[in-house]
Amino acid sequence: MINYSPFWKTLEKSRESTYTLIYKYHISSATIDKLRKNRPMNTTTLNDLCRILNCRLEDIARYVPSEEDSRL
């Protein structure tokens, strides 16, 4: 499963906040909720977050093996 815990650490270190992401950069509150709940999101959104926070993808998300993953 994709885990977004690195995002919160990266956000904390940046000059941004969830408020600025929503109101300055127009990241939806639904996207912030997806990050909080480790829900799927599209790569365009991840790209935008990397650009805004000036970071790498691994600073936002990581893969954690889970029994909840769908079988292939």
PDB file of N, CA and C in Angstrom:
ATOM      1  N   MET A   1       0.830  -1.170   0.000  1.00  0.00           N
ATOM      2  CA  MET A   1       0.000   0.000   0.000  1.00  0.00           C
ATOM      3  C   MET A   1       0.879   1.239   0.000  1.00  0.00           C
ATOM      4  N   ILE A   2       0.383   2.287  -0.578  1.00  0.00           N
ATOM      5  CA  ILE A   2       1.116   3.544  -0.599  1.00  0.00           C
ATOM      6  C   ILE A   2       0.799   4.302   0.681  1.00  0.00           C
ATOM      7  N   ASN A   3       1.848   4.746   1.348  1.00  0.00           N
ATOM      8  CA  ASN A   3       1.720   5.446   2.613  1.00  0.00           C
ATOM      9  C   ASN A   3       2.245   6.865   2.426  1.00  0.00           C
ATOM     10  N   TYR A   4       1.487   7.841   2.891  1.00  0.00           N
ATOM     11  CA  TYR A   4       1.865   9.246   2.712  1.00  0.00           C
ATOM     12  C   TYR A   4       2.445   9.882   3.962  1.00  0.00           C
ATOM     13  N   SER A   5       2.892   9.098   4.910  1.00  0.00           N
ATOM     14  CA  SER A   5       3.486   9.685   6.113  1.00  0.00           C
ATOM     15  C   SER A   5       4.698  10.572   5.819  1.00  0.00           C
ATOM     16  N   PRO A   6       5.519  10.265   4.791  1.00  0.00           N
ATOM     17  CA  PRO A   6       6.616  11.188   4.494  1.00  0.00           C
ATOM     18  C   PRO A   6       6.130  12.590   4.092  1.00  0.00           C
ATOM     19  N   PHE A   7       4.934  12.657   3.486  1.00  0.00           N
ATOM     20  CA  PHE A   7       4.387  13.956   3.085  1.00  0.00           C
ATOM     21  C   PHE A   7       4.271  14.894   4.273  1.00  0.00           C
ATOM     22  N   TRP A   8       3.755  14.379   5.392  1.00  0.00           N
ATOM     23  CA  TRP A   8       3.509  15.230   6.561  1.00  0.00           C
ATOM     24  C   TRP A   8       4.812  15.745   7.155  1.00  0.00           C
ATOM     25  N   LYS A   9       5.854  14.942   7.126  1.00  0.00           N
ATOM     26  CA  LYS A   9       7.162  15.399   7.607  1.00  0.00           C
ATOM     27  C   LYS A   9       7.738  16.446   6.669  1.00  0.00           C
ATOM     28  N   THR A  10       7.579  16.228   5.366  1.00  0.00           N
ATOM     29  CA  THR A  10       8.076  17.176   4.371  1.00  0.00           C
ATOM     30  C   THR A  10       7.315  18.497   4.475  1.00  0.00           C
ATOM     31  N   LEU A  11       6.012  18.417   4.633  1.00  0.00           N
ATOM     32  CA  LEU A  11       5.197  19.621   4.768  1.00  0.00           C
ATOM     33  C   LEU A  11       5.613  20.410   6.012  1.00  0.00           C
ATOM     34  N   GLU A  12       5.856  19.716   7.093  1.00  0.00           N
ATOM     35  CA  GLU A  12       6.261  20.364   8.337  1.00  0.00           C
ATOM     36  C   GLU A  12       7.575  21.129   8.178  1.00  0.00           C
ATOM     37  N   LYS A  13       8.495  20.581   7.393  1.00  0.00           N
ATOM     38  CA  LYS A  13       9.794  21.212   7.176  1.00  0.00           C
ATOM     39  C   LYS A  13       9.727  22.373   6.175  1.00  0.00           C
ATOM     40  N   SER A  14       8.660  22.424   5.404  1.00  0.00           N
ATOM     41  CA  SER A  14       8.545  23.458   4.366  1.00  0.00           C
ATOM     42  C   SER A  14       7.933  24.730   4.935  1.00  0.00           C
ATOM     43  N   ARG A  15       7.816  25.731   4.075  1.00  0.00           N
ATOM     44  CA  ARG A  15       7.170  26.994   4.451  1.00  0.00           C
ATOM     45  C   ARG A  15       5.668  26.942   4.203  1.00  0.00           C
ATOM     46  N   GLU A  16       5.190  25.809   3.722  1.00  0.00           N
ATOM     47  CA  GLU A  16       3.777  25.667   3.360  1.00  0.00           C
ATOM     48  C   GLU A  16       3.004  24.996   4.487  1.00  0.00           C
ATOM     49  N   SER A  17       1.692  25.025   4.363  1.00  0.00           N
ATOM     50  CA  SER A  17       0.793  24.365   5.306  1.00  0.00           C
ATOM     51  C   SER A  17      -0.378  23.816   4.503  1.00  0.00           C
ATOM     52  N   THR A  18      -1.235  23.063   5.154  1.00  0.00           N
ATOM     53  CA  THR A  18      -2.416  22.597   4.423  1.00  0.00           C
ATOM     54  C   THR A  18      -3.247  23.792   3.975  1.00  0.00           C
ATOM     55  N   TYR A  19      -3.260  24.850   4.761  1.00  0.00           N
ATOM     56  CA  TYR A  19      -3.990  26.063   4.389  1.00  0.00           C
ATOM     57  C   TYR A  19      -3.456  26.642   3.078  1.00  0.00           C
ATOM     58  N   THR A  20      -2.135  26.800   2.971  1.00  0.00           N
ATOM     59  CA  THR A  20      -1.579  27.373   1.739  1.00  0.00           C
ATOM     60  C   THR A  20      -1.737  26.419   0.560  1.00  0.00           C
ATOM     61  N   LEU A  21      -1.656  25.121   0.814  1.00  0.00           N
ATOM     62  CA  LEU A  21      -1.873  24.172  -0.275  1.00  0.00           C
ATOM     63  C   LEU A  21      -3.274  24.337  -0.852  1.00  0.00           C
ATOM     64  N   ILE A  22      -4.255  24.513   0.026  1.00  0.00           N
ATOM     65  CA  ILE A  22      -5.639  24.648  -0.423  1.00  0.00           C
ATOM     66  C   ILE A  22      -5.899  26.024  -1.048  1.00  0.00           C
ATOM     67  N   TYR A  23      -5.524  27.089  -0.361  1.00  0.00           N
ATOM     68  CA  TYR A  23      -5.926  28.429  -0.795  1.00  0.00           C
ATOM     69  C   TYR A  23      -4.949  29.113  -1.755  1.00  0.00           C
ATOM     70  N   LYS A  24      -3.688  28.801  -1.660  1.00  0.00           N
ATOM     71  CA  LYS A  24      -2.709  29.416  -2.573  1.00  0.00           C
ATOM     72  C   LYS A  24      -2.496  28.569  -3.824  1.00  0.00           C
ATOM     73  N   TYR A  25      -2.422  27.244  -3.640  1.00  0.00           N
ATOM     74  CA  TYR A  25      -2.095  26.356  -4.753  1.00  0.00           C
ATOM     75  C   TYR A  25      -3.295  25.574  -5.279  1.00  0.00           C
ATOM     76  N   HIS A  26      -4.443  25.753  -4.669  1.00  0.00           N
ATOM     77  CA  HIS A  26      -5.698  25.143  -5.130  1.00  0.00           C
ATOM     78  C   HIS A  26      -5.677  23.615  -5.109  1.00  0.00           C
ATOM     79  N   ILE A  27      -4.969  23.058  -4.117  1.00  0.00           N
ATOM     80  CA  ILE A  27      -5.039  21.623  -3.862  1.00  0.00           C
ATOM     81  C   ILE A  27      -6.345  21.414  -3.090  1.00  0.00           C
ATOM     82  N   SER A  28      -7.174  20.509  -3.531  1.00  0.00           N
ATOM     83  CA  SER A  28      -8.492  20.361  -2.913  1.00  0.00           C
ATOM     84  C   SER A  28      -8.388  19.795  -1.495  1.00  0.00           C
ATOM     85  N   SER A  29      -9.368  20.141  -0.689  1.00  0.00           N
ATOM     86  CA  SER A  29      -9.417  19.585   0.667  1.00  0.00           C
ATOM     87  C   SER A  29      -9.632  18.071   0.603  1.00  0.00           C
ATOM     88  N   ALA A  30     -10.269  17.586  -0.465  1.00  0.00           N
ATOM     89  CA  ALA A  30     -10.434  16.140  -0.657  1.00  0.00           C
ATOM     90  C   ALA A  30      -9.075  15.465  -0.845  1.00  0.00           C
ATOM     91  N   THR A  31      -8.160  16.130  -1.528  1.00  0.00           N
ATOM     92  CA  THR A  31      -6.807  15.588  -1.712  1.00  0.00           C
ATOM     93  C   THR A  31      -6.080  15.531  -0.381  1.00  0.00           C
ATOM     94  N   ILE A  32      -6.209  16.568   0.423  1.00  0.00           N
ATOM     95  CA  ILE A  32      -5.594  16.567   1.757  1.00  0.00           C
ATOM     96  C   ILE A  32      -6.154  15.415   2.582  1.00  0.00           C
ATOM     97  N   ASP A  33      -7.452  15.180   2.457  1.00  0.00           N
ATOM     98  CA  ASP A  33      -8.087  14.063   3.160  1.00  0.00           C
ATOM     99  C   ASP A  33      -7.540  12.727   2.675  1.00  0.00           C
ATOM    100  N   LYS A  34      -7.314  12.598   1.364  1.00  0.00           N
ATOM    101  CA  LYS A  34      -6.727  11.369   0.819  1.00  0.00           C
ATOM    102  C   LYS A  34      -5.336  11.139   1.389  1.00  0.00           C
ATOM    103  N   LEU A  35      -4.561  12.203   1.526  1.00  0.00           N
ATOM    104  CA  LEU A  35      -3.228  12.085   2.110  1.00  0.00           C
ATOM    105  C   LEU A  35      -3.316  11.627   3.564  1.00  0.00           C
ATOM    106  N   ARG A  36      -4.264  12.172   4.300  1.00  0.00           N
ATOM    107  CA  ARG A  36      -4.435  11.791   5.707  1.00  0.00           C
ATOM    108  C   ARG A  36      -4.809  10.322   5.853  1.00  0.00           C
ATOM    109  N   LYS A  37      -5.626   9.828   4.915  1.00  0.00           N
ATOM    110  CA  LYS A  37      -6.161   8.465   5.026  1.00  0.00           C
ATOM    111  C   LYS A  37      -5.450   7.451   4.127  1.00  0.00           C
ATOM    112  N   ASN A  38      -4.323   7.856   3.530  1.00  0.00           N
ATOM    113  CA  ASN A  38      -3.556   6.975   2.638  1.00  0.00           C
ATOM    114  C   ASN A  38      -4.417   6.393   1.528  1.00  0.00           C
ATOM    115  N   ARG A  39      -5.256   7.214   0.941  1.00  0.00           N
ATOM    116  CA  ARG A  39      -6.130   6.806  -0.166  1.00  0.00           C
ATOM    117  C   ARG A  39      -5.407   7.027  -1.494  1.00  0.00           C
ATOM    118  N   PRO A  40      -5.792   6.298  -2.531  1.00  0.00           N
ATOM    119  CA  PRO A  40      -5.156   6.470  -3.841  1.00  0.00           C
ATOM    120  C   PRO A  40      -5.372   7.876  -4.410  1.00  0.00           C
ATOM    121  N   MET A  41      -4.369   8.353  -5.129  1.00  0.00           N
ATOM    122  CA  MET A  41      -4.501   9.620  -5.845  1.00  0.00           C
ATOM    123  C   MET A  41      -3.681   9.532  -7.126  1.00  0.00           C
ATOM    124  N   ASN A  42      -3.944  10.449  -8.045  1.00  0.00           N
ATOM    125  CA  ASN A  42      -3.278  10.349  -9.343  1.00  0.00           C
ATOM    126  C   ASN A  42      -1.867  10.938  -9.301  1.00  0.00           C
ATOM    127  N   THR A  43      -1.086  10.555 -10.263  1.00  0.00           N
ATOM    128  CA  THR A  43       0.316  10.984 -10.305  1.00  0.00           C
ATOM    129  C   THR A  43       0.461  12.470 -10.623  1.00  0.00           C
ATOM    130  N   THR A  44      -0.517  13.057 -11.279  1.00  0.00           N
ATOM    131  CA  THR A  44      -0.469  14.499 -11.546  1.00  0.00           C
ATOM    132  C   THR A  44      -0.487  15.267 -10.225  1.00  0.00           C
ATOM    133  N   THR A  45      -1.302  14.822  -9.299  1.00  0.00           N
ATOM    134  CA  THR A  45      -1.368  15.463  -7.984  1.00  0.00           C
ATOM    135  C   THR A  45      -0.052  15.294  -7.238  1.00  0.00           C
ATOM    136  N   LEU A  46       0.513  14.105  -7.300  1.00  0.00           N
ATOM    137  CA  LEU A  46       1.813  13.876  -6.662  1.00  0.00           C
ATOM    138  C   LEU A  46       2.883  14.760  -7.297  1.00  0.00           C
ATOM    139  N   ASN A  47       2.832  14.911  -8.598  1.00  0.00           N
ATOM    140  CA  ASN A  47       3.766  15.790  -9.301  1.00  0.00           C
ATOM    141  C   ASN A  47       3.609  17.229  -8.811  1.00  0.00           C
ATOM    142  N   ASP A  48       2.369  17.685  -8.698  1.00  0.00           N
ATOM    143  CA  ASP A  48       2.111  19.044  -8.223  1.00  0.00           C
ATOM    144  C   ASP A  48       2.658  19.254  -6.819  1.00  0.00           C
ATOM    145  N   LEU A  49       2.444  18.289  -5.944  1.00  0.00           N
ATOM    146  CA  LEU A  49       2.942  18.404  -4.575  1.00  0.00           C
ATOM    147  C   LEU A  49       4.468  18.451  -4.536  1.00  0.00           C
ATOM    148  N   CYS A  50       5.107  17.643  -5.366  1.00  0.00           N
ATOM    149  CA  CYS A  50       6.577  17.672  -5.436  1.00  0.00           C
ATOM    150  C   CYS A  50       7.072  19.043  -5.916  1.00  0.00           C
ATOM    151  N   ARG A  51       6.383  19.593  -6.897  1.00  0.00           N
ATOM    152  CA  ARG A  51       6.759  20.909  -7.428  1.00  0.00           C
ATOM    153  C   ARG A  51       6.564  21.991  -6.369  1.00  0.00           C
ATOM    154  N   ILE A  52       5.417  21.980  -5.705  1.00  0.00           N
ATOM    155  CA  ILE A  52       5.109  22.983  -4.687  1.00  0.00           C
ATOM    156  C   ILE A  52       6.100  22.906  -3.527  1.00  0.00           C
ATOM    157  N   LEU A  53       6.384  21.705  -3.069  1.00  0.00           N
ATOM    158  CA  LEU A  53       7.247  21.521  -1.901  1.00  0.00           C
ATOM    159  C   LEU A  53       8.723  21.399  -2.265  1.00  0.00           C
ATOM    160  N   ASN A  54       9.004  21.436  -3.572  1.00  0.00           N
ATOM    161  CA  ASN A  54      10.384  21.335  -4.052  1.00  0.00           C
ATOM    162  C   ASN A  54      11.069  20.102  -3.446  1.00  0.00           C
ATOM    163  N   CYS A  55      10.451  18.956  -3.690  1.00  0.00           N
ATOM    164  CA  CYS A  55      10.966  17.720  -3.112  1.00  0.00           C
ATOM    165  C   CYS A  55      10.855  16.574  -4.116  1.00  0.00           C
ATOM    166  N   ARG A  56      11.296  15.416  -3.703  1.00  0.00           N
ATOM    167  CA  ARG A  56      11.237  14.212  -4.533  1.00  0.00           C
ATOM    168  C   ARG A  56      10.026  13.383  -4.130  1.00  0.00           C
ATOM    169  N   LEU A  57       9.627  12.483  -5.000  1.00  0.00           N
ATOM    170  CA  LEU A  57       8.457  11.648  -4.736  1.00  0.00           C
ATOM    171  C   LEU A  57       8.594  10.877  -3.421  1.00  0.00           C
ATOM    172  N   GLU A  58       9.776  10.380  -3.135  1.00  0.00           N
ATOM    173  CA  GLU A  58       9.957   9.614  -1.892  1.00  0.00           C
ATOM    174  C   GLU A  58       9.849  10.494  -0.640  1.00  0.00           C
ATOM    175  N   ASP A  59       9.840  11.821  -0.821  1.00  0.00           N
ATOM    176  CA  ASP A  59       9.601  12.735   0.293  1.00  0.00           C
ATOM    177  C   ASP A  59       8.106  12.899   0.571  1.00  0.00           C
ATOM    178  N   ILE A  60       7.277  12.313  -0.304  1.00  0.00           N
ATOM    179  CA  ILE A  60       5.827  12.411  -0.174  1.00  0.00           C
ATOM    180  C   ILE A  60       5.176  11.050   0.058  1.00  0.00           C
ATOM    181  N   ALA A  61       5.679  10.026  -0.606  1.00  0.00           N
ATOM    182  CA  ALA A  61       5.024   8.716  -0.536  1.00  0.00           C
ATOM    183  C   ALA A  61       6.054   7.596  -0.461  1.00  0.00           C
ATOM    184  N   ARG A  62       5.602   6.480   0.098  1.00  0.00           N
ATOM    185  CA  ARG A  62       6.446   5.283   0.117  1.00  0.00           C
ATOM    186  C   ARG A  62       5.539   4.064   0.013  1.00  0.00           C
ATOM    187  N   TYR A  63       6.096   3.004  -0.508  1.00  0.00           N
ATOM    188  CA  TYR A  63       5.361   1.743  -0.609  1.00  0.00           C
ATOM    189  C   TYR A  63       5.650   0.900   0.616  1.00  0.00           C
ATOM    190  N   VAL A  64       4.582   0.413   1.234  1.00  0.00           N
ATOM    191  CA  VAL A  64       4.703  -0.475   2.388  1.00  0.00           C
ATOM    192  C   VAL A  64       3.910  -1.734   2.057  1.00  0.00           C
ATOM    193  N   PRO A  65       4.566  -2.894   1.973  1.00  0.00           N
ATOM    194  CA  PRO A  65       3.829  -4.132   1.702  1.00  0.00           C
ATOM    195  C   PRO A  65       2.732  -4.341   2.745  1.00  0.00           C
ATOM    196  N   SER A  66       1.589  -4.823   2.275  1.00  0.00           N
ATOM    197  CA  SER A  66       0.460  -4.983   3.168  1.00  0.00           C
ATOM    198  C   SER A  66      -0.373  -6.186   2.737  1.00  0.00           C
ATOM    199  N   GLU A  67      -0.966  -6.838   3.713  1.00  0.00           N
ATOM    200  CA  GLU A  67      -1.876  -7.943   3.428  1.00  0.00           C
ATOM    201  C   GLU A  67      -3.150  -7.440   2.758  1.00  0.00           C
ATOM    202  N   GLU A  68      -3.423  -6.140   2.861  1.00  0.00           N
ATOM    203  CA  GLU A  68      -4.622  -5.549   2.251  1.00  0.00           C
ATOM    204  C   GLU A  68      -4.454  -5.293   0.760  1.00  0.00           C
ATOM    205  N   ASP A  69      -3.235  -5.415   0.241  1.00  0.00           N
ATOM    206  CA  ASP A  69      -3.003  -5.232  -1.192  1.00  0.00           C
ATOM    207  C   ASP A  69      -3.813  -6.255  -1.991  1.00  0.00           C
ATOM    208  N   SER A  70      -4.285  -5.861  -3.142  1.00  0.00           N
ATOM    209  CA  SER A  70      -5.033  -6.776  -4.006  1.00  0.00           C
ATOM    210  C   SER A  70      -4.088  -7.838  -4.540  1.00  0.00           C
ATOM    211  N   ARG A  71      -4.628  -9.035  -4.711  1.00  0.00           N
ATOM    212  CA  ARG A  71      -3.838 -10.105  -5.323  1.00  0.00           C
ATOM    213  C   ARG A  71      -3.650  -9.810  -6.791  1.00  0.00           C
ATOM    214  N   LEU A  72      -2.498 -10.181  -7.314  1.00  0.00           N
ATOM    215  CA  LEU A  72      -2.216  -9.999  -8.738  1.00  0.00           C
ATOM    216  C   LEU A  72      -2.618 -11.212  -9.516  1.00  0.00           C
TER     217      LEU A  72
END
